[in-house]
Amino acid sequence: ALRNGTLRLPGLFLPLISATAGFSDDPRRPGMIDRACTLLFAVHSL
């Protein structure tokens, strides 16, 4: 029942119930594009 069912739906008012995690600054200080690239590769790796 726990694997197949959820009590969280519909749960669409998402700005209210989503969580934000702020990341520490990359010490290499990349710009927006390079920071985004590293994040993309990190997600694929994880």
ModelCIF file with pLDDT and N, C-alpha, C, O atoms, coordinates in Angstrom:
data_MODEL
#
_entry.id   MODEL 
#
_entity.id                         1 
_entity.type                       polymer 
_entity.pdbx_number_of_molecules   1 
#
_entity_poly.entity_id                      1 
_entity_poly.type                           'polypeptide(L)' 
_entity_poly.nstd_linkage                   no 
_entity_poly.nstd_monomer                   no 
_entity_poly.pdbx_seq_one_letter_code       ALRNGTLRLPGLFLPLISATAGFSDDPRRPGMIDRACTLLFAVHSL 
_entity_poly.pdbx_seq_one_letter_code_can   ALRNGTLRLPGLFLPLISATAGFSDDPRRPGMIDRACTLLFAVHSL 
_entity_poly.pdbx_strand_id                 A 
#
loop_
_entity_poly_seq.entity_id 
_entity_poly_seq.num 
_entity_poly_seq.mon_id 
_entity_poly_seq.hetero 
1 1  ALA n 
1 2  LEU n 
1 3  ARG n 
1 4  ASN n 
1 5  GLY n 
1 6  THR n 
1 7  LEU n 
1 8  ARG n 
1 9  LEU n 
1 10 PRO n 
1 11 GLY n 
1 12 LEU n 
1 13 PHE n 
1 14 LEU n 
1 15 PRO n 
1 16 LEU n 
1 17 ILE n 
1 18 SER n 
1 19 ALA n 
1 20 THR n 
1 21 ALA n 
1 22 GLY n 
1 23 PHE n 
1 24 SER n 
1 25 ASP n 
1 26 ASP n 
1 27 PRO n 
1 28 ARG n 
1 29 ARG n 
1 30 PRO n 
1 31 GLY n 
1 32 MET n 
1 33 ILE n 
1 34 ASP n 
1 35 ARG n 
1 36 ALA n 
1 37 CYS n 
1 38 THR n 
1 39 LEU n 
1 40 LEU n 
1 41 PHE n 
1 42 ALA n 
1 43 VAL n 
1 44 HIS n 
1 45 SER n 
1 46 LEU n 
#
_struct_asym.id          A 
_struct_asym.entity_id   1 
#
loop_
_ma_qa_metric.id 
_ma_qa_metric.mode 
_ma_qa_metric.name 
_ma_qa_metric.software_group_id 
_ma_qa_metric.type 
1 global pLDDT . pLDDT 
2 local  pLDDT . pLDDT 
#
_ma_qa_metric_global.metric_id      1 
_ma_qa_metric_global.metric_value   89.02 
_ma_qa_metric_global.model_id       1 
_ma_qa_metric_global.ordinal_id     1 
#
loop_
_ma_qa_metric_local.label_asym_id 
_ma_qa_metric_local.label_comp_id 
_ma_qa_metric_local.label_seq_id 
_ma_qa_metric_local.metric_id 
_ma_qa_metric_local.metric_value 
_ma_qa_metric_local.model_id 
_ma_qa_metric_local.ordinal_id 
A ALA 1  2 63.00 1 1  
A LEU 2  2 69.00 1 2  
A ARG 3  2 69.00 1 3  
A ASN 4  2 74.00 1 4  
A GLY 5  2 72.00 1 5  
A THR 6  2 76.00 1 6  
A LEU 7  2 74.00 1 7  
A ARG 8  2 76.00 1 8  
A LEU 9  2 80.00 1 9  
A PRO 10 2 85.00 1 10 
A GLY 11 2 87.00 1 11 
A LEU 12 2 91.00 1 12 
A PHE 13 2 91.00 1 13 
A LEU 14 2 88.00 1 14 
A PRO 15 2 90.00 1 15 
A LEU 16 2 87.00 1 16 
A ILE 17 2 88.00 1 17 
A SER 18 2 92.00 1 18 
A ALA 19 2 91.00 1 19 
A THR 20 2 93.00 1 20 
A ALA 21 2 92.00 1 21 
A GLY 22 2 92.00 1 22 
A PHE 23 2 94.00 1 23 
A SER 24 2 92.00 1 24 
A ASP 25 2 92.00 1 25 
A ASP 26 2 92.00 1 26 
A PRO 27 2 93.00 1 27 
A ARG 28 2 92.00 1 28 
A ARG 29 2 92.00 1 29 
A PRO 30 2 92.00 1 30 
A GLY 31 2 93.00 1 31 
A MET 32 2 96.00 1 32 
A ILE 33 2 96.00 1 33 
A ASP 34 2 95.00 1 34 
A ARG 35 2 97.00 1 35 
A ALA 36 2 97.00 1 36 
A CYS 37 2 96.00 1 37 
A THR 38 2 96.00 1 38 
A LEU 39 2 97.00 1 39 
A LEU 40 2 97.00 1 40 
A PHE 41 2 96.00 1 41 
A ALA 42 2 96.00 1 42 
A VAL 43 2 97.00 1 43 
A HIS 44 2 96.00 1 44 
A SER 45 2 95.00 1 45 
A LEU 46 2 96.00 1 46 
#
loop_
_atom_site.group_PDB 
_atom_site.id 
_atom_site.type_symbol 
_atom_site.label_atom_id 
_atom_site.label_alt_id 
_atom_site.label_comp_id 
_atom_site.label_asym_id 
_atom_site.label_entity_id 
_atom_site.label_seq_id 
_atom_site.pdbx_PDB_ins_code 
_atom_site.Cartn_x 
_atom_site.Cartn_y 
_atom_site.Cartn_z 
_atom_site.occupancy 
_atom_site.B_iso_or_equiv 
_atom_site.pdbx_formal_charge 
_atom_site.auth_seq_id 
_atom_site.auth_comp_id 
_atom_site.auth_asym_id 
_atom_site.auth_atom_id 
_atom_site.pdbx_PDB_model_num 
ATOM 1   N N  . ALA A 1 1  ? 0.834  -1.209 0.000   1.00 63.00 ? 1  ALA A N  1 
ATOM 2   C CA . ALA A 1 1  ? 0.000  0.000  0.000   1.00 63.00 ? 1  ALA A CA 1 
ATOM 3   C C  . ALA A 1 1  ? 0.862  1.251  0.000   1.00 63.00 ? 1  ALA A C  1 
ATOM 4   O O  . ALA A 1 1  ? 0.548  2.225  -0.684  1.00 63.00 ? 1  ALA A O  1 
ATOM 5   N N  . LEU A 1 2  ? 1.950  1.230  0.764   1.00 69.00 ? 2  LEU A N  1 
ATOM 6   C CA . LEU A 1 2  ? 2.836  2.387  0.815   1.00 69.00 ? 2  LEU A CA 1 
ATOM 7   C C  . LEU A 1 2  ? 3.558  2.588  -0.512  1.00 69.00 ? 2  LEU A C  1 
ATOM 8   O O  . LEU A 1 2  ? 3.777  3.726  -0.928  1.00 69.00 ? 2  LEU A O  1 
ATOM 9   N N  . ARG A 1 3  ? 3.929  1.500  -1.181  1.00 69.00 ? 3  ARG A N  1 
ATOM 10  C CA . ARG A 1 3  ? 4.632  1.632  -2.464  1.00 69.00 ? 3  ARG A CA 1 
ATOM 11  C C  . ARG A 1 3  ? 3.725  2.133  -3.571  1.00 69.00 ? 3  ARG A C  1 
ATOM 12  O O  . ARG A 1 3  ? 4.174  2.841  -4.472  1.00 69.00 ? 3  ARG A O  1 
ATOM 13  N N  . ASN A 1 4  ? 2.470  1.779  -3.511  1.00 74.00 ? 4  ASN A N  1 
ATOM 14  C CA . ASN A 1 4  ? 1.578  2.045  -4.632  1.00 74.00 ? 4  ASN A CA 1 
ATOM 15  C C  . ASN A 1 4  ? 0.611  3.190  -4.421  1.00 74.00 ? 4  ASN A C  1 
ATOM 16  O O  . ASN A 1 4  ? -0.016 3.646  -5.377  1.00 74.00 ? 4  ASN A O  1 
ATOM 17  N N  . GLY A 1 5  ? 0.474  3.669  -3.192  1.00 72.00 ? 5  GLY A N  1 
ATOM 18  C CA . GLY A 1 5  ? -0.520 4.705  -2.923  1.00 72.00 ? 5  GLY A CA 1 
ATOM 19  C C  . GLY A 1 5  ? 0.101  5.952  -2.333  1.00 72.00 ? 5  GLY A C  1 
ATOM 20  O O  . GLY A 1 5  ? 1.159  5.893  -1.706  1.00 72.00 ? 5  GLY A O  1 
ATOM 21  N N  . THR A 1 6  ? -0.558 7.081  -2.533  1.00 76.00 ? 6  THR A N  1 
ATOM 22  C CA . THR A 1 6  ? -0.069 8.340  -1.987  1.00 76.00 ? 6  THR A CA 1 
ATOM 23  C C  . THR A 1 6  ? -1.240 9.170  -1.503  1.00 76.00 ? 6  THR A C  1 
ATOM 24  O O  . THR A 1 6  ? -2.316 9.152  -2.101  1.00 76.00 ? 6  THR A O  1 
ATOM 25  N N  . LEU A 1 7  ? -1.028 9.895  -0.422  1.00 74.00 ? 7  LEU A N  1 
ATOM 26  C CA . LEU A 1 7  ? -2.039 10.802 0.113   1.00 74.00 ? 7  LEU A CA 1 
ATOM 27  C C  . LEU A 1 7  ? -1.724 12.255 -0.234  1.00 74.00 ? 7  LEU A C  1 
ATOM 28  O O  . LEU A 1 7  ? -2.404 13.164 0.243   1.00 74.00 ? 7  LEU A O  1 
ATOM 29  N N  . ARG A 1 8  ? -0.696 12.485 -1.063  1.00 76.00 ? 8  ARG A N  1 
ATOM 30  C CA . ARG A 1 8  ? -0.239 13.848 -1.336  1.00 76.00 ? 8  ARG A CA 1 
ATOM 31  C C  . ARG A 1 8  ? -0.934 14.503 -2.517  1.00 76.00 ? 8  ARG A C  1 
ATOM 32  O O  . ARG A 1 8  ? -0.863 15.722 -2.673  1.00 76.00 ? 8  ARG A O  1 
ATOM 33  N N  . LEU A 1 9  ? -1.596 13.727 -3.340  1.00 80.00 ? 9  LEU A N  1 
ATOM 34  C CA . LEU A 1 9  ? -2.228 14.297 -4.525  1.00 80.00 ? 9  LEU A CA 1 
ATOM 35  C C  . LEU A 1 9  ? -3.577 14.900 -4.179  1.00 80.00 ? 9  LEU A C  1 
ATOM 36  O O  . LEU A 1 9  ? -4.238 14.425 -3.256  1.00 80.00 ? 9  LEU A O  1 
ATOM 37  N N  . PRO A 1 10 ? -4.012 15.952 -4.906  1.00 85.00 ? 10 PRO A N  1 
ATOM 38  C CA . PRO A 1 10 ? -3.377 16.503 -6.104  1.00 85.00 ? 10 PRO A CA 1 
ATOM 39  C C  . PRO A 1 10 ? -2.141 17.354 -5.815  1.00 85.00 ? 10 PRO A C  1 
ATOM 40  O O  . PRO A 1 10 ? -1.193 17.310 -6.598  1.00 85.00 ? 10 PRO A O  1 
ATOM 41  N N  . GLY A 1 11 ? -2.109 18.119 -4.734  1.00 87.00 ? 11 GLY A N  1 
ATOM 42  C CA . GLY A 1 11 ? -0.897 18.833 -4.335  1.00 87.00 ? 11 GLY A CA 1 
ATOM 43  C C  . GLY A 1 11 ? -0.288 19.699 -5.416  1.00 87.00 ? 11 GLY A C  1 
ATOM 44  O O  . GLY A 1 11 ? 0.927  19.670 -5.611  1.00 87.00 ? 11 GLY A O  1 
ATOM 45  N N  . LEU A 1 12 ? -1.107 20.476 -6.132  1.00 91.00 ? 12 LEU A N  1 
ATOM 46  C CA . LEU A 1 12 ? -0.622 21.271 -7.258  1.00 91.00 ? 12 LEU A CA 1 
ATOM 47  C C  . LEU A 1 12 ? -0.214 22.689 -6.874  1.00 91.00 ? 12 LEU A C  1 
ATOM 48  O O  . LEU A 1 12 ? 0.431  23.379 -7.664  1.00 91.00 ? 12 LEU A O  1 
ATOM 49  N N  . PHE A 1 13 ? -0.580 23.134 -5.670  1.00 91.00 ? 13 PHE A N  1 
ATOM 50  C CA . PHE A 1 13 ? -0.240 24.505 -5.258  1.00 91.00 ? 13 PHE A CA 1 
ATOM 51  C C  . PHE A 1 13 ? 1.220  24.512 -4.827  1.00 91.00 ? 13 PHE A C  1 
ATOM 52  O O  . PHE A 1 13 ? 1.541  24.698 -3.654  1.00 91.00 ? 13 PHE A O  1 
ATOM 53  N N  . LEU A 1 14 ? 2.102  24.302 -5.814  1.00 88.00 ? 14 LEU A N  1 
ATOM 54  C CA . LEU A 1 14 ? 3.466  23.863 -5.530  1.00 88.00 ? 14 LEU A CA 1 
ATOM 55  C C  . LEU A 1 14 ? 4.417  24.920 -5.004  1.00 88.00 ? 14 LEU A C  1 
ATOM 56  O O  . LEU A 1 14 ? 5.321  24.559 -4.250  1.00 88.00 ? 14 LEU A O  1 
ATOM 57  N N  . PRO A 1 15 ? 4.289  26.198 -5.338  1.00 90.00 ? 15 PRO A N  1 
ATOM 58  C CA . PRO A 1 15 ? 5.194  27.150 -4.688  1.00 90.00 ? 15 PRO A CA 1 
ATOM 59  C C  . PRO A 1 15 ? 5.067  27.149 -3.166  1.00 90.00 ? 15 PRO A C  1 
ATOM 60  O O  . PRO A 1 15 ? 5.996  27.541 -2.460  1.00 90.00 ? 15 PRO A O  1 
ATOM 61  N N  . LEU A 1 16 ? 3.907  26.704 -2.664  1.00 87.00 ? 16 LEU A N  1 
ATOM 62  C CA . LEU A 1 16 ? 3.702  26.678 -1.224  1.00 87.00 ? 16 LEU A CA 1 
ATOM 63  C C  . LEU A 1 16 ? 4.297  25.449 -0.564  1.00 87.00 ? 16 LEU A C  1 
ATOM 64  O O  . LEU A 1 16 ? 4.698  25.512 0.598   1.00 87.00 ? 16 LEU A O  1 
ATOM 65  N N  . ILE A 1 17 ? 4.364  24.329 -1.278  1.00 88.00 ? 17 ILE A N  1 
ATOM 66  C CA . ILE A 1 17 ? 4.778  23.082 -0.625  1.00 88.00 ? 17 ILE A CA 1 
ATOM 67  C C  . ILE A 1 17 ? 6.049  22.487 -1.213  1.00 88.00 ? 17 ILE A C  1 
ATOM 68  O O  . ILE A 1 17 ? 6.506  21.439 -0.756  1.00 88.00 ? 17 ILE A O  1 
ATOM 69  N N  . SER A 1 18 ? 6.629  23.138 -2.218  1.00 92.00 ? 18 SER A N  1 
ATOM 70  C CA . SER A 1 18 ? 7.940  22.707 -2.699  1.00 92.00 ? 18 SER A CA 1 
ATOM 71  C C  . SER A 1 18 ? 9.017  23.259 -1.767  1.00 92.00 ? 18 SER A C  1 
ATOM 72  O O  . SER A 1 18 ? 8.790  24.238 -1.057  1.00 92.00 ? 18 SER A O  1 
ATOM 73  N N  . ALA A 1 19 ? 10.168 22.639 -1.776  1.00 91.00 ? 19 ALA A N  1 
ATOM 74  C CA . ALA A 1 19 ? 11.280 23.074 -0.933  1.00 91.00 ? 19 ALA A CA 1 
ATOM 75  C C  . ALA A 1 19 ? 12.402 23.614 -1.805  1.00 91.00 ? 19 ALA A C  1 
ATOM 76  O O  . ALA A 1 19 ? 12.651 23.111 -2.900  1.00 91.00 ? 19 ALA A O  1 
ATOM 77  N N  . THR A 1 20 ? 13.074 24.643 -1.307  1.00 93.00 ? 20 THR A N  1 
ATOM 78  C CA . THR A 1 20 ? 14.220 25.204 -2.008  1.00 93.00 ? 20 THR A CA 1 
ATOM 79  C C  . THR A 1 20 ? 15.490 24.942 -1.223  1.00 93.00 ? 20 THR A C  1 
ATOM 80  O O  . THR A 1 20 ? 15.533 25.150 -0.010  1.00 93.00 ? 20 THR A O  1 
ATOM 81  N N  . ALA A 1 21 ? 16.521 24.488 -1.912  1.00 92.00 ? 21 ALA A N  1 
ATOM 82  C CA . ALA A 1 21 ? 17.849 24.304 -1.325  1.00 92.00 ? 21 ALA A CA 1 
ATOM 83  C C  . ALA A 1 21 ? 18.804 25.256 -2.021  1.00 92.00 ? 21 ALA A C  1 
ATOM 84  O O  . ALA A 1 21 ? 19.012 25.163 -3.231  1.00 92.00 ? 21 ALA A O  1 
ATOM 85  N N  . GLY A 1 22 ? 19.380 26.165 -1.261  1.00 92.00 ? 22 GLY A N  1 
ATOM 86  C CA . GLY A 1 22 ? 20.373 27.060 -1.825  1.00 92.00 ? 22 GLY A CA 1 
ATOM 87  C C  . GLY A 1 22 ? 21.737 26.398 -1.844  1.00 92.00 ? 22 GLY A C  1 
ATOM 88  O O  . GLY A 1 22 ? 22.140 25.794 -0.850  1.00 92.00 ? 22 GLY A O  1 
ATOM 89  N N  . PHE A 1 23 ? 22.448 26.495 -2.939  1.00 94.00 ? 23 PHE A N  1 
ATOM 90  C CA . PHE A 1 23 ? 23.768 25.879 -3.066  1.00 94.00 ? 23 PHE A CA 1 
ATOM 91  C C  . PHE A 1 23 ? 24.856 26.874 -2.661  1.00 94.00 ? 23 PHE A C  1 
ATOM 92  O O  . PHE A 1 23 ? 24.726 28.078 -2.879  1.00 94.00 ? 23 PHE A O  1 
ATOM 93  N N  . SER A 1 24 ? 25.917 26.354 -2.075  1.00 92.00 ? 24 SER A N  1 
ATOM 94  C CA . SER A 1 24 ? 27.091 27.181 -1.816  1.00 92.00 ? 24 SER A CA 1 
ATOM 95  C C  . SER A 1 24 ? 27.679 27.642 -3.143  1.00 92.00 ? 24 SER A C  1 
ATOM 96  O O  . SER A 1 24 ? 27.554 26.962 -4.161  1.00 92.00 ? 24 SER A O  1 
ATOM 97  N N  . ASP A 1 25 ? 28.314 28.794 -3.117  1.00 92.00 ? 25 ASP A N  1 
ATOM 98  C CA . ASP A 1 25 ? 28.953 29.287 -4.333  1.00 92.00 ? 25 ASP A CA 1 
ATOM 99  C C  . ASP A 1 25 ? 30.074 28.349 -4.756  1.00 92.00 ? 25 ASP A C  1 
ATOM 100 O O  . ASP A 1 25 ? 30.838 27.859 -3.925  1.00 92.00 ? 25 ASP A O  1 
ATOM 101 N N  . ASP A 1 26 ? 30.161 28.111 -6.040  1.00 92.00 ? 26 ASP A N  1 
ATOM 102 C CA . ASP A 1 26 ? 31.282 27.358 -6.583  1.00 92.00 ? 26 ASP A CA 1 
ATOM 103 C C  . ASP A 1 26 ? 32.537 28.213 -6.414  1.00 92.00 ? 26 ASP A C  1 
ATOM 104 O O  . ASP A 1 26 ? 32.576 29.338 -6.912  1.00 92.00 ? 26 ASP A O  1 
ATOM 105 N N  . PRO A 1 27 ? 33.564 27.710 -5.724  1.00 93.00 ? 27 PRO A N  1 
ATOM 106 C CA . PRO A 1 27 ? 34.754 28.535 -5.475  1.00 93.00 ? 27 PRO A CA 1 
ATOM 107 C C  . PRO A 1 27 ? 35.454 28.994 -6.754  1.00 93.00 ? 27 PRO A C  1 
ATOM 108 O O  . PRO A 1 27 ? 36.240 29.941 -6.720  1.00 93.00 ? 27 PRO A O  1 
ATOM 109 N N  . ARG A 1 28 ? 35.184 28.347 -7.860  1.00 92.00 ? 28 ARG A N  1 
ATOM 110 C CA . ARG A 1 28 ? 35.802 28.750 -9.121  1.00 92.00 ? 28 ARG A CA 1 
ATOM 111 C C  . ARG A 1 28 ? 35.096 29.948 -9.762  1.00 92.00 ? 28 ARG A C  1 
ATOM 112 O O  . ARG A 1 28 ? 35.577 30.514 -10.744 1.00 92.00 ? 28 ARG A O  1 
ATOM 113 N N  . ARG A 1 29 ? 33.940 30.325 -9.186  1.00 92.00 ? 29 ARG A N  1 
ATOM 114 C CA . ARG A 1 29 ? 33.166 31.469 -9.643  1.00 92.00 ? 29 ARG A CA 1 
ATOM 115 C C  . ARG A 1 29 ? 32.782 31.388 -11.119 1.00 92.00 ? 29 ARG A C  1 
ATOM 116 O O  . ARG A 1 29 ? 33.025 32.341 -11.859 1.00 92.00 ? 29 ARG A O  1 
ATOM 117 N N  . PRO A 1 30 ? 32.195 30.289 -11.566 1.00 92.00 ? 30 PRO A N  1 
ATOM 118 C CA . PRO A 1 30 ? 31.771 30.231 -12.971 1.00 92.00 ? 30 PRO A CA 1 
ATOM 119 C C  . PRO A 1 30 ? 30.570 31.136 -13.200 1.00 92.00 ? 30 PRO A C  1 
ATOM 120 O O  . PRO A 1 30 ? 29.818 31.432 -12.272 1.00 92.00 ? 30 PRO A O  1 
ATOM 121 N N  . GLY A 1 31 ? 30.396 31.569 -14.433 1.00 93.00 ? 31 GLY A N  1 
ATOM 122 C CA . GLY A 1 31 ? 29.212 32.329 -14.788 1.00 93.00 ? 31 GLY A CA 1 
ATOM 123 C C  . GLY A 1 31 ? 27.995 31.433 -14.873 1.00 93.00 ? 31 GLY A C  1 
ATOM 124 O O  . GLY A 1 31 ? 28.072 30.235 -14.602 1.00 93.00 ? 31 GLY A O  1 
ATOM 125 N N  . MET A 1 32 ? 26.869 32.022 -15.250 1.00 96.00 ? 32 MET A N  1 
ATOM 126 C CA . MET A 1 32 ? 25.607 31.277 -15.264 1.00 96.00 ? 32 MET A CA 1 
ATOM 127 C C  . MET A 1 32 ? 25.669 30.048 -16.168 1.00 96.00 ? 32 MET A C  1 
ATOM 128 O O  . MET A 1 32 ? 25.222 28.972 -15.769 1.00 96.00 ? 32 MET A O  1 
ATOM 129 N N  . ILE A 1 33 ? 26.213 30.185 -17.372 1.00 96.00 ? 33 ILE A N  1 
ATOM 130 C CA . ILE A 1 33 ? 26.195 29.078 -18.319 1.00 96.00 ? 33 ILE A CA 1 
ATOM 131 C C  . ILE A 1 33 ? 27.060 27.925 -17.814 1.00 96.00 ? 33 ILE A C  1 
ATOM 132 O O  . ILE A 1 33 ? 26.622 26.775 -17.825 1.00 96.00 ? 33 ILE A O  1 
ATOM 133 N N  . ASP A 1 34 ? 28.278 28.220 -17.374 1.00 95.00 ? 34 ASP A N  1 
ATOM 134 C CA . ASP A 1 34 ? 29.148 27.148 -16.899 1.00 95.00 ? 34 ASP A CA 1 
ATOM 135 C C  . ASP A 1 34 ? 28.591 26.520 -15.626 1.00 95.00 ? 34 ASP A C  1 
ATOM 136 O O  . ASP A 1 34 ? 28.691 25.307 -15.439 1.00 95.00 ? 34 ASP A O  1 
ATOM 137 N N  . ARG A 1 35 ? 28.001 27.339 -14.746 1.00 97.00 ? 35 ARG A N  1 
ATOM 138 C CA . ARG A 1 35 ? 27.392 26.756 -13.538 1.00 97.00 ? 35 ARG A CA 1 
ATOM 139 C C  . ARG A 1 35 ? 26.258 25.819 -13.932 1.00 97.00 ? 35 ARG A C  1 
ATOM 140 O O  . ARG A 1 35 ? 26.125 24.734 -13.367 1.00 97.00 ? 35 ARG A O  1 
ATOM 141 N N  . ALA A 1 36 ? 25.450 26.227 -14.887 1.00 97.00 ? 36 ALA A N  1 
ATOM 142 C CA . ALA A 1 36 ? 24.347 25.380 -15.346 1.00 97.00 ? 36 ALA A CA 1 
ATOM 143 C C  . ALA A 1 36 ? 24.868 24.079 -15.964 1.00 97.00 ? 36 ALA A C  1 
ATOM 144 O O  . ALA A 1 36 ? 24.286 23.014 -15.760 1.00 97.00 ? 36 ALA A O  1 
ATOM 145 N N  . CYS A 1 37 ? 25.959 24.172 -16.715 1.00 96.00 ? 37 CYS A N  1 
ATOM 146 C CA . CYS A 1 37 ? 26.550 22.969 -17.312 1.00 96.00 ? 37 CYS A CA 1 
ATOM 147 C C  . CYS A 1 37 ? 26.993 21.980 -16.234 1.00 96.00 ? 37 CYS A C  1 
ATOM 148 O O  . CYS A 1 37 ? 26.722 20.783 -16.337 1.00 96.00 ? 37 CYS A O  1 
ATOM 149 N N  . THR A 1 38 ? 27.673 22.478 -15.207 1.00 96.00 ? 38 THR A N  1 
ATOM 150 C CA . THR A 1 38 ? 28.133 21.574 -14.154 1.00 96.00 ? 38 THR A CA 1 
ATOM 151 C C  . THR A 1 38 ? 26.951 20.938 -13.429 1.00 96.00 ? 38 THR A C  1 
ATOM 152 O O  . THR A 1 38 ? 27.025 19.773 -13.039 1.00 96.00 ? 38 THR A O  1 
ATOM 153 N N  . LEU A 1 39 ? 25.870 21.679 -13.242 1.00 97.00 ? 39 LEU A N  1 
ATOM 154 C CA . LEU A 1 39 ? 24.683 21.120 -12.600 1.00 97.00 ? 39 LEU A CA 1 
ATOM 155 C C  . LEU A 1 39 ? 24.077 20.011 -13.460 1.00 97.00 ? 39 LEU A C  1 
ATOM 156 O O  . LEU A 1 39 ? 23.657 18.973 -12.950 1.00 97.00 ? 39 LEU A O  1 
ATOM 157 N N  . LEU A 1 40 ? 24.038 20.249 -14.764 1.00 97.00 ? 40 LEU A N  1 
ATOM 158 C CA . LEU A 1 40 ? 23.484 19.237 -15.672 1.00 97.00 ? 40 LEU A CA 1 
ATOM 159 C C  . LEU A 1 40 ? 24.299 17.942 -15.615 1.00 97.00 ? 40 LEU A C  1 
ATOM 160 O O  . LEU A 1 40 ? 23.732 16.852 -15.536 1.00 97.00 ? 40 LEU A O  1 
ATOM 161 N N  . PHE A 1 41 ? 25.612 18.064 -15.654 1.00 96.00 ? 41 PHE A N  1 
ATOM 162 C CA . PHE A 1 41 ? 26.452 16.871 -15.577 1.00 96.00 ? 41 PHE A CA 1 
ATOM 163 C C  . PHE A 1 41 ? 26.319 16.195 -14.209 1.00 96.00 ? 41 PHE A C  1 
ATOM 164 O O  . PHE A 1 41 ? 26.357 14.968 -14.116 1.00 96.00 ? 41 PHE A O  1 
ATOM 165 N N  . ALA A 1 42 ? 26.163 16.990 -13.156 1.00 96.00 ? 42 ALA A N  1 
ATOM 166 C CA . ALA A 1 42 ? 26.022 16.424 -11.812 1.00 96.00 ? 42 ALA A CA 1 
ATOM 167 C C  . ALA A 1 42 ? 24.747 15.598 -11.692 1.00 96.00 ? 42 ALA A C  1 
ATOM 168 O O  . ALA A 1 42 ? 24.758 14.528 -11.083 1.00 96.00 ? 42 ALA A O  1 
ATOM 169 N N  . VAL A 1 43 ? 23.644 16.085 -12.268 1.00 97.00 ? 43 VAL A N  1 
ATOM 170 C CA . VAL A 1 43 ? 22.389 15.333 -12.205 1.00 97.00 ? 43 VAL A CA 1 
ATOM 171 C C  . VAL A 1 43 ? 22.515 14.022 -12.971 1.00 97.00 ? 43 VAL A C  1 
ATOM 172 O O  . VAL A 1 43 ? 22.086 12.975 -12.486 1.00 97.00 ? 43 VAL A O  1 
ATOM 173 N N  . HIS A 1 44 ? 23.099 14.075 -14.156 1.00 96.00 ? 44 HIS A N  1 
ATOM 174 C CA . HIS A 1 44 ? 23.295 12.840 -14.923 1.00 96.00 ? 44 HIS A CA 1 
ATOM 175 C C  . HIS A 1 44 ? 24.165 11.847 -14.148 1.00 96.00 ? 44 HIS A C  1 
ATOM 176 O O  . HIS A 1 44 ? 23.898 10.645 -14.154 1.00 96.00 ? 44 HIS A O  1 
ATOM 177 N N  . SER A 1 45 ? 25.182 12.343 -13.495 1.00 95.00 ? 45 SER A N  1 
ATOM 178 C CA . SER A 1 45 ? 26.066 11.482 -12.707 1.00 95.00 ? 45 SER A CA 1 
ATOM 179 C C  . SER A 1 45 ? 25.324 10.843 -11.547 1.00 95.00 ? 45 SER A C  1 
ATOM 180 O O  . SER A 1 45 ? 25.455 9.644  -11.303 1.00 95.00 ? 45 SER A O  1 
ATOM 181 N N  . LEU A 1 46 ? 24.536 11.652 -10.825 1.00 96.00 ? 46 LEU A N  1 
ATOM 182 C CA . LEU A 1 46 ? 23.780 11.116 -9.694  1.00 96.00 ? 46 LEU A CA 1 
ATOM 183 C C  . LEU A 1 46 ? 22.733 10.117 -10.165 1.00 96.00 ? 46 LEU A C  1 
ATOM 184 O O  . LEU A 1 46 ? 21.999 9.561  -9.348  1.00 96.00 ? 46 LEU A O  1 
#
